[in-house]
Amino acid sequence: VIAIIGILIALLLPAVQQAREAARKTQCKNNLKQIGLALQNYADTYGSLPPAYTADRDRPLHSWRTIILPYLDHSPLHNKLDLMKQWGN
């Protein structure tokens, strides 16, 4: 009985791993699609894609990833950021 259970588990394990891989691939594709739509919505609003980064007089502050947060439905996070301070400080 234990051997049969072991064989069944061995047969099911590859199927479970394939299902997990397919789910990860689908999630990754969805994330990329959401980023693309956010970039497109930003461009529709401002007439161009976001800059690579925003800068103060002599130092970079935030990247395009921070700038598109509101377009990814992360406005609360974006509102918490002080865009006049360098990222990570």
Protein backbone atom coordinates (compact mmCIF):
# COMPACT_ATOMS: atom_id res chain seq x y z
CA VAL A 1 0.00 0.00 0.00
CA ILE A 2 2.82 2.39 0.87
CA ALA A 3 4.56 1.59 -2.41
CA ILE A 4 1.37 2.32 -4.36
CA ILE A 5 0.98 5.67 -2.59
CA GLY A 6 4.62 6.46 -3.35
CA ILE A 7 4.13 5.66 -7.02
CA LEU A 8 0.98 7.80 -7.19
CA ILE A 9 2.81 10.72 -5.59
CA ALA A 10 5.70 10.27 -8.01
CA LEU A 11 3.25 10.35 -10.92
CA LEU A 12 1.40 13.43 -9.65
CA LEU A 13 4.45 15.51 -8.72
CA PRO A 14 5.39 16.50 -12.31
CA ALA A 15 1.79 17.52 -13.01
CA VAL A 16 1.72 19.72 -9.90
CA GLN A 17 5.05 21.31 -10.86
CA GLN A 18 3.78 22.01 -14.39
CA ALA A 19 0.63 23.60 -13.00
CA ARG A 20 2.70 25.84 -10.71
CA GLU A 21 4.98 26.84 -13.57
CA ALA A 22 1.99 27.67 -15.76
CA ALA A 23 0.49 29.77 -12.97
CA ARG A 24 3.77 31.67 -12.51
CA LYS A 25 4.03 32.27 -16.25
CA THR A 26 0.46 33.57 -16.38
CA GLN A 27 1.10 35.88 -13.41
CA CYS A 28 4.29 37.21 -15.01
CA LYS A 29 2.50 37.89 -18.30
CA ASN A 30 -0.28 39.66 -16.40
CA ASN A 31 2.24 41.83 -14.52
CA LEU A 32 3.96 42.82 -17.77
CA LYS A 33 0.60 43.64 -19.34
CA GLN A 34 -0.32 45.84 -16.36
CA ILE A 35 3.00 47.70 -16.60
CA GLY A 36 2.46 48.22 -20.33
CA LEU A 37 -1.05 49.55 -19.75
CA ALA A 38 0.21 51.85 -16.99
CA LEU A 39 2.88 53.24 -19.32
CA GLN A 40 0.29 53.73 -22.05
CA ASN A 41 -2.10 55.50 -19.65
CA TYR A 42 0.72 57.76 -18.45
CA ALA A 43 1.56 58.60 -22.06
CA ASP A 44 -2.10 59.35 -22.80
CA THR A 45 -2.18 61.72 -19.82
CA TYR A 46 1.14 63.52 -20.36
CA GLY A 47 1.77 63.08 -24.07
CA SER A 48 4.95 61.04 -23.63
CA LEU A 49 6.31 58.08 -21.74
CA PRO A 50 7.63 58.78 -18.25
CA PRO A 51 11.24 59.88 -17.98
CA ALA A 52 13.83 57.30 -16.96
CA TYR A 53 14.18 59.22 -13.70
CA THR A 54 13.36 62.54 -12.12
CA ALA A 55 16.25 64.59 -10.86
CA ASP A 56 17.04 67.42 -8.53
CA ARG A 57 19.79 69.81 -9.59
CA ASP A 58 22.53 67.20 -9.45
CA ARG A 59 21.09 63.90 -8.27
CA PRO A 60 18.47 61.44 -9.47
CA LEU A 61 15.37 61.23 -7.27
CA HIS A 62 12.89 58.63 -8.58
CA SER A 63 12.63 56.28 -11.51
CA TRP A 64 9.80 55.68 -13.95
CA ARG A 65 8.67 52.78 -11.76
CA THR A 66 7.76 55.21 -8.99
CA ILE A 67 6.10 57.60 -11.41
CA ILE A 68 3.68 55.01 -12.81
CA LEU A 69 2.48 53.71 -9.43
CA PRO A 70 -0.85 55.59 -9.64
CA TYR A 71 -1.49 53.96 -13.01
CA LEU A 72 -0.94 50.54 -11.44
CA ASP A 73 -3.65 51.23 -8.83
CA HIS A 74 -1.05 51.90 -6.14
CA SER A 75 -1.99 55.51 -5.45
CA PRO A 76 -1.85 55.11 -1.64
CA LEU A 77 1.78 53.98 -1.89
CA HIS A 78 2.60 56.76 -4.35
CA ASN A 79 1.01 59.33 -2.02
CA LYS A 80 3.23 58.18 0.86
CA LEU A 81 6.38 58.95 -1.11
CA ASP A 82 8.15 62.28 -0.81
CA LEU A 83 9.06 62.84 -4.44
CA MET A 84 11.45 65.65 -3.50
CA LYS A 85 13.69 63.27 -1.55
CA GLN A 86 16.00 60.75 -3.14
CA TRP A 87 14.60 57.23 -3.32
CA GLY A 88 15.83 55.05 -0.47
CA ASN A 89 16.34 57.96 1.92
